[in-house]
Amino acid sequence: MRRPNLCSNSIGVADEAYKPTNSANSKDEGRLSLVRRVLGGSKKKDGHSSLSKSKQFGVPISDLQLSNNSVPKVIYRICTYIETNGLKTEGLFKLNGGNQVLIENLKSQFNANGDADLESCADMVSVALLLMVWLKELPQPLLSNQTVADLVSLMH
């Protein structure tokens, strides 16, 4: 069995992904634009991400709609709901609790509509775990390795 050759060109992406589009101005496409297109995170000319407008999970924070206080709307919505209805719930963030079917249902609602009906959810632990799922599915960590190292050095 032959090994695939994924890094045969100068910018380290597969040949198939590197092929320019058939547009007339493909020769003028800059290297940064090409990398953005290949990696799938390019912005359209209208300033919106190439991803679905309402997708909330598994996308970079920079692609999410922000609330008035510069927090992603999905996080603001979940945290406000937990603060209002669930802070007195014992074991709120326990790792082995929650209804996985309900969590997936709420996640699907957020991805499809940009919001979910948290008020009809009777399981506060599942809503808290939904927050943890959102954090786990981020493509990049909230804090860079350098920021973490700086914070650790401040504690010593």
C-alpha atoms as a PDB file:
ATOM      1  CA  MET A   1       0.000   0.000   0.000  1.00  0.00           C
ATOM      2  CA  ARG A   2       1.361   3.402  -0.993  1.00  0.00           C
ATOM      3  CA  ARG A   3       1.606   6.247   1.513  1.00  0.00           C
ATOM      4  CA  PRO A   4      -0.216   9.414   0.477  1.00  0.00           C
ATOM      5  CA  ASN A   5       1.968  12.395  -0.345  1.00  0.00           C
ATOM      6  CA  LEU A   6       0.300  15.240   1.531  1.00  0.00           C
ATOM      7  CA  CYS A   7       3.142  17.742   1.703  1.00  0.00           C
ATOM      8  CA  SER A   8       4.618  17.851  -1.757  1.00  0.00           C
ATOM      9  CA  ASN A   9       4.407  21.600  -2.388  1.00  0.00           C
ATOM     10  CA  SER A  10       5.949  24.663  -0.798  1.00  0.00           C
ATOM     11  CA  ILE A  11       3.096  25.544   1.565  1.00  0.00           C
ATOM     12  CA  GLY A  12       2.566  22.028   2.863  1.00  0.00           C
ATOM     13  CA  VAL A  13      -0.953  21.222   1.669  1.00  0.00           C
ATOM     14  CA  ALA A  14      -2.199  18.357  -0.453  1.00  0.00           C
ATOM     15  CA  ASP A  15      -1.930  18.792  -4.230  1.00  0.00           C
ATOM     16  CA  GLU A  16      -5.675  18.459  -4.778  1.00  0.00           C
ATOM     17  CA  ALA A  17      -6.416  21.232  -2.294  1.00  0.00           C
ATOM     18  CA  TYR A  18      -3.692  23.437  -3.783  1.00  0.00           C
ATOM     19  CA  LYS A  19      -5.150  23.546  -7.276  1.00  0.00           C
ATOM     20  CA  PRO A  20      -6.445  27.041  -8.028  1.00  0.00           C
ATOM     21  CA  THR A  21     -10.076  27.636  -8.876  1.00  0.00           C
ATOM     22  CA  ASN A  22     -11.179  28.136 -12.466  1.00  0.00           C
ATOM     23  CA  SER A  23     -11.824  31.840 -11.985  1.00  0.00           C
ATOM     24  CA  ALA A  24     -10.136  34.326 -14.301  1.00  0.00           C
ATOM     25  CA  ASN A  25      -8.316  36.053 -11.459  1.00  0.00           C
ATOM     26  CA  SER A  26      -6.899  32.867  -9.910  1.00  0.00           C
ATOM     27  CA  LYS A  27      -3.396  33.905 -11.011  1.00  0.00           C
ATOM     28  CA  ASP A  28      -3.741  37.046  -8.917  1.00  0.00           C
ATOM     29  CA  GLU A  29      -4.807  35.138  -5.827  1.00  0.00           C
ATOM     30  CA  GLY A  30      -2.374  35.919  -3.048  1.00  0.00           C
ATOM     31  CA  ARG A  31      -0.674  33.252  -1.012  1.00  0.00           C
ATOM     32  CA  LEU A  32      -2.626  34.180   2.146  1.00  0.00           C
ATOM     33  CA  SER A  33      -5.934  34.015   0.276  1.00  0.00           C
ATOM     34  CA  LEU A  34      -4.963  30.630  -1.088  1.00  0.00           C
ATOM     35  CA  VAL A  35      -4.118  29.301   2.362  1.00  0.00           C
ATOM     36  CA  ARG A  36      -7.413  30.639   3.744  1.00  0.00           C
ATOM     37  CA  ARG A  37      -9.357  28.994   0.925  1.00  0.00           C
ATOM     38  CA  VAL A  38      -7.531  25.689   1.328  1.00  0.00           C
ATOM     39  CA  LEU A  39      -8.054  25.608   5.077  1.00  0.00           C
ATOM     40  CA  GLY A  40     -11.725  26.528   4.716  1.00  0.00           C
ATOM     41  CA  GLY A  41     -11.747  29.516   7.028  1.00  0.00           C
ATOM     42  CA  SER A  42     -11.906  32.281   4.466  1.00  0.00           C
ATOM     43  CA  LYS A  43     -14.254  35.214   4.768  1.00  0.00           C
ATOM     44  CA  LYS A  44     -16.671  35.982   1.988  1.00  0.00           C
ATOM     45  CA  LYS A  45     -16.650  39.468   0.482  1.00  0.00           C
ATOM     46  CA  ASP A  46     -19.693  40.421   2.558  1.00  0.00           C
ATOM     47  CA  GLY A  47     -17.647  39.806   5.715  1.00  0.00           C
ATOM     48  CA  HIS A  48     -19.539  36.701   6.769  1.00  0.00           C
ATOM     49  CA  SER A  49     -17.770  33.439   7.330  1.00  0.00           C
ATOM     50  CA  SER A  50     -18.042  30.708   4.761  1.00  0.00           C
ATOM     51  CA  LEU A  51     -19.565  28.573   7.518  1.00  0.00           C
ATOM     52  CA  SER A  52     -23.267  28.420   8.198  1.00  0.00           C
ATOM     53  CA  LYS A  53     -24.541  31.566   9.926  1.00  0.00           C
ATOM     54  CA  SER A  54     -26.182  29.673  12.760  1.00  0.00           C
ATOM     55  CA  LYS A  55     -23.605  26.951  13.439  1.00  0.00           C
ATOM     56  CA  GLN A  56     -22.485  27.443  17.030  1.00  0.00           C
ATOM     57  CA  PHE A  57     -20.451  24.341  17.939  1.00  0.00           C
ATOM     58  CA  GLY A  58     -17.050  23.366  16.581  1.00  0.00           C
ATOM     59  CA  VAL A  59     -16.327  26.702  14.916  1.00  0.00           C
ATOM     60  CA  PRO A  60     -13.687  29.323  15.761  1.00  0.00           C
ATOM     61  CA  ILE A  61     -14.825  32.048  18.141  1.00  0.00           C
ATOM     62  CA  SER A  62     -13.989  34.622  15.469  1.00  0.00           C
ATOM     63  CA  ASP A  63     -16.753  33.148  13.275  1.00  0.00           C
ATOM     64  CA  LEU A  64     -19.485  33.403  15.933  1.00  0.00           C
ATOM     65  CA  GLN A  65     -21.980  36.197  16.460  1.00  0.00           C
ATOM     66  CA  LEU A  66     -21.213  38.146  19.618  1.00  0.00           C
ATOM     67  CA  SER A  67     -23.664  39.475  22.168  1.00  0.00           C
ATOM     68  CA  ASN A  68     -23.620  43.139  23.210  1.00  0.00           C
ATOM     69  CA  ASN A  69     -20.874  42.409  25.743  1.00  0.00           C
ATOM     70  CA  SER A  70     -18.501  40.788  23.180  1.00  0.00           C
ATOM     71  CA  VAL A  71     -19.200  37.203  24.281  1.00  0.00           C
ATOM     72  CA  PRO A  72     -20.387  34.584  21.767  1.00  0.00           C
ATOM     73  CA  LYS A  73     -24.195  34.529  21.874  1.00  0.00           C
ATOM     74  CA  VAL A  74     -24.367  30.794  22.549  1.00  0.00           C
ATOM     75  CA  ILE A  75     -22.140  31.151  25.628  1.00  0.00           C
ATOM     76  CA  TYR A  76     -24.006  34.200  26.854  1.00  0.00           C
ATOM     77  CA  ARG A  77     -27.326  32.370  26.451  1.00  0.00           C
ATOM     78  CA  ILE A  78     -26.210  29.187  28.246  1.00  0.00           C
ATOM     79  CA  CYS A  79     -24.385  30.997  31.074  1.00  0.00           C
ATOM     80  CA  THR A  80     -27.264  33.415  31.680  1.00  0.00           C
ATOM     81  CA  TYR A  81     -29.695  30.506  31.839  1.00  0.00           C
ATOM     82  CA  ILE A  82     -27.461  28.584  34.279  1.00  0.00           C
ATOM     83  CA  GLU A  83     -26.943  31.692  36.417  1.00  0.00           C
ATOM     84  CA  THR A  84     -30.680  32.366  36.562  1.00  0.00           C
ATOM     85  CA  ASN A  85     -31.945  28.817  37.048  1.00  0.00           C
ATOM     86  CA  GLY A  86     -29.221  26.431  38.097  1.00  0.00           C
ATOM     87  CA  LEU A  87     -26.524  27.762  40.392  1.00  0.00           C
ATOM     88  CA  LYS A  88     -28.087  26.026  43.382  1.00  0.00           C
ATOM     89  CA  THR A  89     -28.184  22.671  41.573  1.00  0.00           C
ATOM     90  CA  GLU A  90     -25.938  20.168  43.343  1.00  0.00           C
ATOM     91  CA  GLY A  91     -23.353  18.500  41.102  1.00  0.00           C
ATOM     92  CA  LEU A  92     -24.031  20.939  38.281  1.00  0.00           C
ATOM     93  CA  PHE A  93     -20.791  20.294  36.389  1.00  0.00           C
ATOM     94  CA  LYS A  94     -20.196  16.660  37.315  1.00  0.00           C
ATOM     95  CA  LEU A  95     -18.547  14.811  34.489  1.00  0.00           C
ATOM     96  CA  ASN A  96     -20.690  11.672  34.368  1.00  0.00           C
ATOM     97  CA  GLY A  97     -24.153  13.210  34.592  1.00  0.00           C
ATOM     98  CA  GLY A  98     -26.583  14.622  32.107  1.00  0.00           C
ATOM     99  CA  ASN A  99     -28.752  13.188  29.384  1.00  0.00           C
ATOM    100  CA  GLN A 100     -26.617  12.753  26.245  1.00  0.00           C
ATOM    101  CA  VAL A 101     -29.665  12.647  23.960  1.00  0.00           C
ATOM    102  CA  LEU A 102     -30.910  15.947  25.407  1.00  0.00           C
ATOM    103  CA  ILE A 103     -27.449  17.508  25.082  1.00  0.00           C
ATOM    104  CA  GLU A 104     -27.259  16.499  21.399  1.00  0.00           C
ATOM    105  CA  ASN A 105     -30.800  17.805  20.844  1.00  0.00           C
ATOM    106  CA  LEU A 106     -29.936  21.200  22.384  1.00  0.00           C
ATOM    107  CA  LYS A 107     -26.695  21.319  20.387  1.00  0.00           C
ATOM    108  CA  SER A 108     -28.632  20.608  17.175  1.00  0.00           C
ATOM    109  CA  GLN A 109     -31.117  23.371  18.015  1.00  0.00           C
ATOM    110  CA  PHE A 110     -28.281  25.860  18.542  1.00  0.00           C
ATOM    111  CA  ASN A 111     -26.599  24.806  15.283  1.00  0.00           C
ATOM    112  CA  ALA A 112     -29.830  24.971  13.284  1.00  0.00           C
ATOM    113  CA  ASN A 113     -31.444  28.087  14.755  1.00  0.00           C
ATOM    114  CA  GLY A 114     -28.708  29.941  16.631  1.00  0.00           C
ATOM    115  CA  ASP A 115     -30.679  29.339  19.857  1.00  0.00           C
ATOM    116  CA  ALA A 116     -32.274  26.496  21.804  1.00  0.00           C
ATOM    117  CA  ASP A 117     -35.328  26.171  24.020  1.00  0.00           C
ATOM    118  CA  LEU A 118     -33.457  25.920  27.318  1.00  0.00           C
ATOM    119  CA  GLU A 119     -36.551  26.940  29.275  1.00  0.00           C
ATOM    120  CA  SER A 120     -38.334  23.688  28.425  1.00  0.00           C
ATOM    121  CA  CYS A 121     -35.312  21.643  29.498  1.00  0.00           C
ATOM    122  CA  ALA A 122     -35.878  20.156  32.944  1.00  0.00           C
ATOM    123  CA  ASP A 123     -32.316  18.826  33.282  1.00  0.00           C
ATOM    124  CA  MET A 124     -30.010  21.613  34.450  1.00  0.00           C
ATOM    125  CA  VAL A 125     -26.965  19.293  34.508  1.00  0.00           C
ATOM    126  CA  SER A 126     -27.433  18.663  30.764  1.00  0.00           C
ATOM    127  CA  VAL A 127     -27.454  22.406  30.084  1.00  0.00           C
ATOM    128  CA  ALA A 128     -24.231  22.781  32.095  1.00  0.00           C
ATOM    129  CA  LEU A 129     -22.658  19.900  30.188  1.00  0.00           C
ATOM    130  CA  LEU A 130     -23.733  21.568  26.933  1.00  0.00           C
ATOM    131  CA  LEU A 131     -21.424  24.432  27.924  1.00  0.00           C
ATOM    132  CA  MET A 132     -18.609  21.933  28.447  1.00  0.00           C
ATOM    133  CA  VAL A 133     -19.326  20.337  25.043  1.00  0.00           C
ATOM    134  CA  TRP A 134     -19.082  23.763  23.385  1.00  0.00           C
ATOM    135  CA  LEU A 135     -15.704  24.379  25.038  1.00  0.00           C
ATOM    136  CA  LYS A 136     -14.385  20.924  24.083  1.00  0.00           C
ATOM    137  CA  GLU A 137     -15.393  21.365  20.440  1.00  0.00           C
ATOM    138  CA  LEU A 138     -13.539  24.651  19.951  1.00  0.00           C
ATOM    139  CA  PRO A 139     -10.995  24.212  17.143  1.00  0.00           C
ATOM    140  CA  GLN A 140      -8.423  26.316  19.026  1.00  0.00           C
ATOM    141  CA  PRO A 141      -7.979  26.626  22.803  1.00  0.00           C
ATOM    142  CA  LEU A 142      -9.323  29.746  24.511  1.00  0.00           C
ATOM    143  CA  LEU A 143      -5.844  30.550  25.838  1.00  0.00           C
ATOM    144  CA  SER A 144      -2.711  30.075  23.749  1.00  0.00           C
ATOM    145  CA  ASN A 145       0.188  28.026  25.096  1.00  0.00           C
ATOM    146  CA  GLN A 146       2.163  31.244  25.567  1.00  0.00           C
ATOM    147  CA  THR A 147      -0.653  32.828  27.612  1.00  0.00           C
ATOM    148  CA  VAL A 148      -0.873  29.736  29.819  1.00  0.00           C
ATOM    149  CA  ALA A 149       2.910  29.773  30.307  1.00  0.00           C
ATOM    150  CA  ASP A 150       2.780  33.474  31.231  1.00  0.00           C
ATOM    151  CA  LEU A 151       0.003  32.846  33.763  1.00  0.00           C
ATOM    152  CA  VAL A 152       1.877  29.911  35.299  1.00  0.00           C
ATOM    153  CA  SER A 153       5.050  31.987  35.592  1.00  0.00           C
ATOM    154  CA  LEU A 154       3.091  34.691  37.422  1.00  0.00           C
ATOM    155  CA  MET A 155       2.027  32.151  40.060  1.00  0.00           C
ATOM    156  CA  HIS A 156       5.614  31.113  40.870  1.00  0.00           C
END
